[in-house]
Amino acid sequence: MKKKYKRPLTLKELAKRPDSEIDFSDIPELDEYFWKNAKVTPPRNKPNVSLRLDHETIAYFKKQNPKGYTSKMAAILAAYVEAHRAE
């Protein structure tokens, strides 16, 4: 495979490029098997926090998981933080 870049690009440099200029050839496609078996890992230590959310957001998560909707929200926020930690 021919290298397109002289050095590894930073996340900020990649974010500025259109998708058509990014070489995704070394990243395998995520197929149905991956998504069927993917799991959100909830955080281990969960202090109590008060958070004001709009009714639509709460209703959305309650509809998906009535008994564990707050844990699902915490897991999604943790995944977001992890994804953006390297920036």
PDB file of N, CA and C in Angstrom:
ATOM      1  N   MET A   1       0.843  -1.184   0.000  1.00  0.00           N
ATOM      2  CA  MET A   1       0.000   0.000   0.000  1.00  0.00           C
ATOM      3  C   MET A   1       0.893   1.255   0.000  1.00  0.00           C
ATOM      4  N   LYS A   2       0.580   2.180  -0.855  1.00  0.00           N
ATOM      5  CA  LYS A   2       1.334   3.424  -0.962  1.00  0.00           C
ATOM      6  C   LYS A   2       0.908   4.376   0.153  1.00  0.00           C
ATOM      7  N   LYS A   3       1.890   4.974   0.835  1.00  0.00           N
ATOM      8  CA  LYS A   3       1.576   5.938   1.888  1.00  0.00           C
ATOM      9  C   LYS A   3       1.138   7.250   1.254  1.00  0.00           C
ATOM     10  N   LYS A   4       0.039   7.808   1.775  1.00  0.00           N
ATOM     11  CA  LYS A   4      -0.458   9.083   1.261  1.00  0.00           C
ATOM     12  C   LYS A   4       0.128  10.270   2.011  1.00  0.00           C
ATOM     13  N   TYR A   5       0.546  10.038   3.265  1.00  0.00           N
ATOM     14  CA  TYR A   5       0.977  11.142   4.100  1.00  0.00           C
ATOM     15  C   TYR A   5       2.442  10.960   4.488  1.00  0.00           C
ATOM     16  N   LYS A   6       3.178  12.065   4.608  1.00  0.00           N
ATOM     17  CA  LYS A   6       4.588  12.013   4.979  1.00  0.00           C
ATOM     18  C   LYS A   6       4.764  11.699   6.465  1.00  0.00           C
ATOM     19  N   ARG A   7       3.766  12.034   7.268  1.00  0.00           N
ATOM     20  CA  ARG A   7       3.792  11.774   8.714  1.00  0.00           C
ATOM     21  C   ARG A   7       2.359  11.501   9.163  1.00  0.00           C
ATOM     22  N   PRO A   8       2.192  10.866  10.314  1.00  0.00           N
ATOM     23  CA  PRO A   8       0.820  10.653  10.801  1.00  0.00           C
ATOM     24  C   PRO A   8       0.130  12.000  11.042  1.00  0.00           C
ATOM     25  N   LEU A   9      -1.131  12.078  10.684  1.00  0.00           N
ATOM     26  CA  LEU A   9      -1.886  13.315  10.858  1.00  0.00           C
ATOM     27  C   LEU A   9      -2.501  13.370  12.248  1.00  0.00           C
ATOM     28  N   THR A  10      -2.623  14.578  12.782  1.00  0.00           N
ATOM     29  CA  THR A  10      -3.291  14.753  14.070  1.00  0.00           C
ATOM     30  C   THR A  10      -4.798  14.667  13.844  1.00  0.00           C
ATOM     31  N   LEU A  11      -5.550  14.499  14.931  1.00  0.00           N
ATOM     32  CA  LEU A  11      -7.004  14.455  14.814  1.00  0.00           C
ATOM     33  C   LEU A  11      -7.558  15.758  14.237  1.00  0.00           C
ATOM     34  N   LYS A  12      -6.965  16.874  14.611  1.00  0.00           N
ATOM     35  CA  LYS A  12      -7.428  18.165  14.080  1.00  0.00           C
ATOM     36  C   LYS A  12      -7.186  18.265  12.571  1.00  0.00           C
ATOM     37  N   GLU A  13      -6.023  17.760  12.127  1.00  0.00           N
ATOM     38  CA  GLU A  13      -5.719  17.777  10.694  1.00  0.00           C
ATOM     39  C   GLU A  13      -6.688  16.872   9.932  1.00  0.00           C
ATOM     40  N   LEU A  14      -6.977  15.703  10.497  1.00  0.00           N
ATOM     41  CA  LEU A  14      -7.929  14.796   9.849  1.00  0.00           C
ATOM     42  C   LEU A  14      -9.322  15.401   9.792  1.00  0.00           C
ATOM     43  N   ALA A  15      -9.716  16.078  10.853  1.00  0.00           N
ATOM     44  CA  ALA A  15     -11.059  16.669  10.913  1.00  0.00           C
ATOM     45  C   ALA A  15     -11.243  17.737   9.830  1.00  0.00           C
ATOM     46  N   LYS A  16     -10.177  18.394   9.437  1.00  0.00           N
ATOM     47  CA  LYS A  16     -10.260  19.437   8.414  1.00  0.00           C
ATOM     48  C   LYS A  16     -10.372  18.866   6.999  1.00  0.00           C
ATOM     49  N   ARG A  17      -9.971  17.609   6.821  1.00  0.00           N
ATOM     50  CA  ARG A  17      -9.996  16.996   5.483  1.00  0.00           C
ATOM     51  C   ARG A  17     -11.375  16.432   5.166  1.00  0.00           C
ATOM     52  N   PRO A  18     -11.796  16.549   3.919  1.00  0.00           N
ATOM     53  CA  PRO A  18     -13.040  15.880   3.529  1.00  0.00           C
ATOM     54  C   PRO A  18     -12.814  14.368   3.542  1.00  0.00           C
ATOM     55  N   ASP A  19     -13.861  13.596   3.790  1.00  0.00           N
ATOM     56  CA  ASP A  19     -13.738  12.143   3.847  1.00  0.00           C
ATOM     57  C   ASP A  19     -13.109  11.565   2.580  1.00  0.00           C
ATOM     58  N   SER A  20     -13.350  12.202   1.455  1.00  0.00           N
ATOM     59  CA  SER A  20     -12.813  11.693   0.191  1.00  0.00           C
ATOM     60  C   SER A  20     -11.279  11.714   0.148  1.00  0.00           C
ATOM     61  N   GLU A  21     -10.637  12.510   1.000  1.00  0.00           N
ATOM     62  CA  GLU A  21      -9.180  12.593   1.029  1.00  0.00           C
ATOM     63  C   GLU A  21      -8.544  11.708   2.096  1.00  0.00           C
ATOM     64  N   ILE A  22      -9.345  11.045   2.925  1.00  0.00           N
ATOM     65  CA  ILE A  22      -8.804  10.216   3.994  1.00  0.00           C
ATOM     66  C   ILE A  22      -8.712   8.771   3.524  1.00  0.00           C
ATOM     67  N   ASP A  23      -7.563   8.165   3.757  1.00  0.00           N
ATOM     68  CA  ASP A  23      -7.333   6.771   3.363  1.00  0.00           C
ATOM     69  C   ASP A  23      -7.891   5.837   4.437  1.00  0.00           C
ATOM     70  N   PHE A  24      -9.025   5.215   4.158  1.00  0.00           N
ATOM     71  CA  PHE A  24      -9.659   4.284   5.086  1.00  0.00           C
ATOM     72  C   PHE A  24      -9.326   2.828   4.734  1.00  0.00           C
ATOM     73  N   SER A  25      -8.410   2.596   3.814  1.00  0.00           N
ATOM     74  CA  SER A  25      -8.174   1.249   3.284  1.00  0.00           C
ATOM     75  C   SER A  25      -7.687   0.255   4.334  1.00  0.00           C
ATOM     76  N   ASP A  26      -7.052   0.729   5.417  1.00  0.00           N
ATOM     77  CA  ASP A  26      -6.558  -0.200   6.435  1.00  0.00           C
ATOM     78  C   ASP A  26      -7.561  -0.437   7.569  1.00  0.00           C
ATOM     79  N   ILE A  27      -8.754   0.123   7.446  1.00  0.00           N
ATOM     80  CA  ILE A  27      -9.782  -0.040   8.476  1.00  0.00           C
ATOM     81  C   ILE A  27     -10.855  -0.977   7.944  1.00  0.00           C
ATOM     82  N   PRO A  28     -11.063  -2.118   8.607  1.00  0.00           N
ATOM     83  CA  PRO A  28     -12.088  -3.044   8.118  1.00  0.00           C
ATOM     84  C   PRO A  28     -13.488  -2.468   8.313  1.00  0.00           C
ATOM     85  N   GLU A  29     -14.399  -2.844   7.434  1.00  0.00           N
ATOM     86  CA  GLU A  29     -15.791  -2.407   7.561  1.00  0.00           C
ATOM     87  C   GLU A  29     -16.419  -3.081   8.768  1.00  0.00           C
ATOM     88  N   LEU A  30     -17.272  -2.373   9.475  1.00  0.00           N
ATOM     89  CA  LEU A  30     -17.988  -2.955  10.601  1.00  0.00           C
ATOM     90  C   LEU A  30     -19.261  -3.592  10.061  1.00  0.00           C
ATOM     91  N   ASP A  31     -19.293  -4.913  10.095  1.00  0.00           N
ATOM     92  CA  ASP A  31     -20.408  -5.643   9.514  1.00  0.00           C
ATOM     93  C   ASP A  31     -21.520  -5.890  10.540  1.00  0.00           C
ATOM     94  N   GLU A  32     -22.553  -6.583  10.117  1.00  0.00           N
ATOM     95  CA  GLU A  32     -23.701  -6.864  10.976  1.00  0.00           C
ATOM     96  C   GLU A  32     -23.283  -7.640  12.226  1.00  0.00           C
ATOM     97  N   TYR A  33     -22.315  -8.554  12.091  1.00  0.00           N
ATOM     98  CA  TYR A  33     -21.840  -9.342  13.231  1.00  0.00           C
ATOM     99  C   TYR A  33     -21.280  -8.426  14.326  1.00  0.00           C
ATOM    100  N   PHE A  34     -20.502  -7.424  13.917  1.00  0.00           N
ATOM    101  CA  PHE A  34     -19.933  -6.499  14.894  1.00  0.00           C
ATOM    102  C   PHE A  34     -21.030  -5.791  15.674  1.00  0.00           C
ATOM    103  N   TRP A  35     -21.998  -5.215  14.961  1.00  0.00           N
ATOM    104  CA  TRP A  35     -23.040  -4.441  15.623  1.00  0.00           C
ATOM    105  C   TRP A  35     -23.967  -5.314  16.449  1.00  0.00           C
ATOM    106  N   LYS A  36     -24.169  -6.542  16.017  1.00  0.00           N
ATOM    107  CA  LYS A  36     -25.014  -7.465  16.770  1.00  0.00           C
ATOM    108  C   LYS A  36     -24.378  -7.803  18.119  1.00  0.00           C
ATOM    109  N   ASN A  37     -23.047  -7.835  18.163  1.00  0.00           N
ATOM    110  CA  ASN A  37     -22.330  -8.217  19.378  1.00  0.00           C
ATOM    111  C   ASN A  37     -21.714  -7.034  20.133  1.00  0.00           C
ATOM    112  N   ALA A  38     -21.880  -5.821  19.639  1.00  0.00           N
ATOM    113  CA  ALA A  38     -21.310  -4.647  20.303  1.00  0.00           C
ATOM    114  C   ALA A  38     -22.039  -4.380  21.610  1.00  0.00           C
ATOM    115  N   LYS A  39     -21.287  -3.978  22.616  1.00  0.00           N
ATOM    116  CA  LYS A  39     -21.871  -3.684  23.929  1.00  0.00           C
ATOM    117  C   LYS A  39     -21.330  -2.360  24.434  1.00  0.00           C
ATOM    118  N   VAL A  40     -22.203  -1.577  25.060  1.00  0.00           N
ATOM    119  CA  VAL A  40     -21.788  -0.348  25.717  1.00  0.00           C
ATOM    120  C   VAL A  40     -21.338  -0.734  27.120  1.00  0.00           C
ATOM    121  N   THR A  41     -20.128  -0.339  27.494  1.00  0.00           N
ATOM    122  CA  THR A  41     -19.611  -0.667  28.819  1.00  0.00           C
ATOM    123  C   THR A  41     -19.890   0.486  29.768  1.00  0.00           C
ATOM    124  N   PRO A  42     -20.700   0.230  30.792  1.00  0.00           N
ATOM    125  CA  PRO A  42     -21.011   1.316  31.734  1.00  0.00           C
ATOM    126  C   PRO A  42     -19.807   1.665  32.606  1.00  0.00           C
ATOM    127  N   PRO A  43     -19.728   2.902  33.069  1.00  0.00           N
ATOM    128  CA  PRO A  43     -18.622   3.284  33.948  1.00  0.00           C
ATOM    129  C   PRO A  43     -18.699   2.524  35.273  1.00  0.00           C
ATOM    130  N   ARG A  44     -17.545   2.301  35.909  1.00  0.00           N
ATOM    131  CA  ARG A  44     -17.503   1.528  37.156  1.00  0.00           C
ATOM    132  C   ARG A  44     -17.917   2.362  38.361  1.00  0.00           C
ATOM    133  N   ASN A  45     -17.324   3.512  38.526  1.00  0.00           N
ATOM    134  CA  ASN A  45     -17.585   4.348  39.688  1.00  0.00           C
ATOM    135  C   ASN A  45     -18.548   5.455  39.276  1.00  0.00           C
ATOM    136  N   LYS A  46     -19.745   5.450  39.870  1.00  0.00           N
ATOM    137  CA  LYS A  46     -20.752   6.413  39.436  1.00  0.00           C
ATOM    138  C   LYS A  46     -21.224   7.268  40.617  1.00  0.00           C
ATOM    139  N   PRO A  47     -20.650   8.454  40.780  1.00  0.00           N
ATOM    140  CA  PRO A  47     -21.167   9.346  41.825  1.00  0.00           C
ATOM    141  C   PRO A  47     -22.517   9.903  41.407  1.00  0.00           C
ATOM    142  N   ASN A  48     -23.324  10.277  42.379  1.00  0.00           N
ATOM    143  CA  ASN A  48     -24.624  10.876  42.075  1.00  0.00           C
ATOM    144  C   ASN A  48     -24.434  12.303  41.570  1.00  0.00           C
ATOM    145  N   VAL A  49     -25.121  12.611  40.471  1.00  0.00           N
ATOM    146  CA  VAL A  49     -25.042  13.932  39.856  1.00  0.00           C
ATOM    147  C   VAL A  49     -26.450  14.378  39.502  1.00  0.00           C
ATOM    148  N   SER A  50     -26.741  15.634  39.731  1.00  0.00           N
ATOM    149  CA  SER A  50     -28.023  16.192  39.331  1.00  0.00           C
ATOM    150  C   SER A  50     -27.836  16.860  37.972  1.00  0.00           C
ATOM    151  N   LEU A  51     -28.724  16.537  37.041  1.00  0.00           N
ATOM    152  CA  LEU A  51     -28.584  17.037  35.680  1.00  0.00           C
ATOM    153  C   LEU A  51     -29.966  17.385  35.131  1.00  0.00           C
ATOM    154  N   ARG A  52     -30.101  18.561  34.586  1.00  0.00           N
ATOM    155  CA  ARG A  52     -31.379  18.960  33.985  1.00  0.00           C
ATOM    156  C   ARG A  52     -31.369  18.631  32.499  1.00  0.00           C
ATOM    157  N   LEU A  53     -32.356  17.846  32.087  1.00  0.00           N
ATOM    158  CA  LEU A  53     -32.490  17.446  30.687  1.00  0.00           C
ATOM    159  C   LEU A  53     -33.897  17.759  30.211  1.00  0.00           C
ATOM    160  N   ASP A  54     -34.026  17.946  28.903  1.00  0.00           N
ATOM    161  CA  ASP A  54     -35.353  18.206  28.367  1.00  0.00           C
ATOM    162  C   ASP A  54     -36.175  16.914  28.364  1.00  0.00           C
ATOM    163  N   HIS A  55     -37.493  17.063  28.359  1.00  0.00           N
ATOM    164  CA  HIS A  55     -38.408  15.916  28.433  1.00  0.00           C
ATOM    165  C   HIS A  55     -38.216  14.946  27.271  1.00  0.00           C
ATOM    166  N   GLU A  56     -37.937  15.476  26.087  1.00  0.00           N
ATOM    167  CA  GLU A  56     -37.774  14.616  24.906  1.00  0.00           C
ATOM    168  C   GLU A  56     -36.581  13.674  25.061  1.00  0.00           C
ATOM    169  N   THR A  57     -35.485  14.186  25.611  1.00  0.00           N
ATOM    170  CA  THR A  57     -34.292  13.360  25.805  1.00  0.00           C
ATOM    171  C   THR A  57     -34.570  12.242  26.807  1.00  0.00           C
ATOM    172  N   ILE A  58     -35.178  12.578  27.913  1.00  0.00           N
ATOM    173  CA  ILE A  58     -35.500  11.569  28.930  1.00  0.00           C
ATOM    174  C   ILE A  58     -36.460  10.536  28.363  1.00  0.00           C
ATOM    175  N   ALA A  59     -37.484  10.976  27.651  1.00  0.00           N
ATOM    176  CA  ALA A  59     -38.464  10.053  27.071  1.00  0.00           C
ATOM    177  C   ALA A  59     -37.798   9.099  26.081  1.00  0.00           C
ATOM    178  N   TYR A  60     -36.866   9.603  25.299  1.00  0.00           N
ATOM    179  CA  TYR A  60     -36.160   8.773  24.323  1.00  0.00           C
ATOM    180  C   TYR A  60     -35.430   7.623  25.018  1.00  0.00           C
ATOM    181  N   PHE A  61     -34.667   7.941  26.051  1.00  0.00           N
ATOM    182  CA  PHE A  61     -33.903   6.906  26.743  1.00  0.00           C
ATOM    183  C   PHE A  61     -34.811   5.976  27.545  1.00  0.00           C
ATOM    184  N   LYS A  62     -35.859   6.506  28.147  1.00  0.00           N
ATOM    185  CA  LYS A  62     -36.798   5.657  28.896  1.00  0.00           C
ATOM    186  C   LYS A  62     -37.495   4.666  27.971  1.00  0.00           C
ATOM    187  N   LYS A  63     -37.820   5.098  26.756  1.00  0.00           N
ATOM    188  CA  LYS A  63     -38.487   4.214  25.807  1.00  0.00           C
ATOM    189  C   LYS A  63     -37.571   3.047  25.422  1.00  0.00           C
ATOM    190  N   GLN A  64     -36.272   3.315  25.276  1.00  0.00           N
ATOM    191  CA  GLN A  64     -35.321   2.266  24.906  1.00  0.00           C
ATOM    192  C   GLN A  64     -35.054   1.297  26.057  1.00  0.00           C
ATOM    193  N   ASN A  65     -34.964   1.823  27.267  1.00  0.00           N
ATOM    194  CA  ASN A  65     -34.579   1.002  28.415  1.00  0.00           C
ATOM    195  C   ASN A  65     -35.203   1.582  29.684  1.00  0.00           C
ATOM    196  N   PRO A  66     -36.478   1.272  29.964  1.00  0.00           N
ATOM    197  CA  PRO A  66     -37.194   1.911  31.075  1.00  0.00           C
ATOM    198  C   PRO A  66     -36.516   1.779  32.447  1.00  0.00           C
ATOM    199  N   LYS A  67     -35.904   0.643  32.740  1.00  0.00           N
ATOM    200  CA  LYS A  67     -35.318   0.448  34.069  1.00  0.00           C
ATOM    201  C   LYS A  67     -33.869   0.914  34.165  1.00  0.00           C
ATOM    202  N   GLY A  68     -33.166   0.968  33.053  1.00  0.00           N
ATOM    203  CA  GLY A  68     -31.748   1.328  33.107  1.00  0.00           C
ATOM    204  C   GLY A  68     -31.400   2.520  32.250  1.00  0.00           C
ATOM    205  N   TYR A  69     -32.339   3.408  32.059  1.00  0.00           N
ATOM    206  CA  TYR A  69     -32.087   4.506  31.120  1.00  0.00           C
ATOM    207  C   TYR A  69     -30.985   5.450  31.597  1.00  0.00           C
ATOM    208  N   THR A  70     -30.865   5.670  32.913  1.00  0.00           N
ATOM    209  CA  THR A  70     -29.814   6.579  33.379  1.00  0.00           C
ATOM    210  C   THR A  70     -28.433   5.942  33.213  1.00  0.00           C
ATOM    211  N   SER A  71     -28.347   4.628  33.399  1.00  0.00           N
ATOM    212  CA  SER A  71     -27.071   3.940  33.181  1.00  0.00           C
ATOM    213  C   SER A  71     -26.678   4.003  31.711  1.00  0.00           C
ATOM    214  N   LYS A  72     -27.663   3.870  30.830  1.00  0.00           N
ATOM    215  CA  LYS A  72     -27.397   3.959  29.385  1.00  0.00           C
ATOM    216  C   LYS A  72     -26.899   5.360  29.030  1.00  0.00           C
ATOM    217  N   MET A  73     -27.515   6.387  29.610  1.00  0.00           N
ATOM    218  CA  MET A  73     -27.089   7.762  29.353  1.00  0.00           C
ATOM    219  C   MET A  73     -25.648   7.971  29.835  1.00  0.00           C
ATOM    220  N   ALA A  74     -25.324   7.437  31.015  1.00  0.00           N
ATOM    221  CA  ALA A  74     -23.973   7.571  31.558  1.00  0.00           C
ATOM    222  C   ALA A  74     -22.959   6.859  30.664  1.00  0.00           C
ATOM    223  N   ALA A  75     -23.326   5.679  30.166  1.00  0.00           N
ATOM    224  CA  ALA A  75     -22.414   4.924  29.303  1.00  0.00           C
ATOM    225  C   ALA A  75     -22.163   5.659  27.998  1.00  0.00           C
ATOM    226  N   ILE A  76     -23.191   6.269  27.437  1.00  0.00           N
ATOM    227  CA  ILE A  76     -23.033   7.022  26.182  1.00  0.00           C
ATOM    228  C   ILE A  76     -22.163   8.256  26.404  1.00  0.00           C
ATOM    229  N   LEU A  77     -22.351   8.948  27.513  1.00  0.00           N
ATOM    230  CA  LEU A  77     -21.497  10.097  27.821  1.00  0.00           C
ATOM    231  C   LEU A  77     -20.043   9.666  28.024  1.00  0.00           C
ATOM    232  N   ALA A  78     -19.836   8.539  28.697  1.00  0.00           N
ATOM    233  CA  ALA A  78     -18.465   8.032  28.911  1.00  0.00           C
ATOM    234  C   ALA A  78     -17.815   7.677  27.573  1.00  0.00           C
ATOM    235  N   ALA A  79     -18.575   7.059  26.675  1.00  0.00           N
ATOM    236  CA  ALA A  79     -18.045   6.703  25.349  1.00  0.00           C
ATOM    237  C   ALA A  79     -17.684   7.970  24.572  1.00  0.00           C
ATOM    238  N   TYR A  80     -18.488   8.994  24.677  1.00  0.00           N
ATOM    239  CA  TYR A  80     -18.213  10.271  24.024  1.00  0.00           C
ATOM    240  C   TYR A  80     -16.899  10.867  24.545  1.00  0.00           C
ATOM    241  N   VAL A  81     -16.743  10.865  25.864  1.00  0.00           N
ATOM    242  CA  VAL A  81     -15.516  11.402  26.471  1.00  0.00           C
ATOM    243  C   VAL A  81     -14.301  10.618  25.982  1.00  0.00           C
ATOM    244  N   GLU A  82     -14.402   9.289  25.989  1.00  0.00           N
ATOM    245  CA  GLU A  82     -13.281   8.456  25.555  1.00  0.00           C
ATOM    246  C   GLU A  82     -12.912   8.741  24.097  1.00  0.00           C
ATOM    247  N   ALA A  83     -13.927   8.916  23.256  1.00  0.00           N
ATOM    248  CA  ALA A  83     -13.685   9.177  21.834  1.00  0.00           C
ATOM    249  C   ALA A  83     -13.015  10.532  21.598  1.00  0.00           C
ATOM    250  N   HIS A  84     -13.266  11.483  22.482  1.00  0.00           N
ATOM    251  CA  HIS A  84     -12.730  12.832  22.307  1.00  0.00           C
ATOM    252  C   HIS A  84     -11.526  13.127  23.194  1.00  0.00           C
ATOM    253  N   ARG A  85     -11.115  12.167  23.990  1.00  0.00           N
ATOM    254  CA  ARG A  85      -9.994  12.360  24.915  1.00  0.00           C
ATOM    255  C   ARG A  85      -8.687  12.644  24.193  1.00  0.00           C
ATOM    256  N   ALA A  86      -8.479  12.065  23.031  1.00  0.00           N
ATOM    257  CA  ALA A  86      -7.207  12.207  22.314  1.00  0.00           C
ATOM    258  C   ALA A  86      -7.056  13.556  21.609  1.00  0.00           C
ATOM    259  N   GLU A  87      -8.102  14.329  21.562  1.00  0.00           N
ATOM    260  CA  GLU A  87      -8.043  15.604  20.819  1.00  0.00           C
ATOM    261  C   GLU A  87      -7.151  16.616  21.472  1.00  0.00           C
TER     262      GLU A  87
END
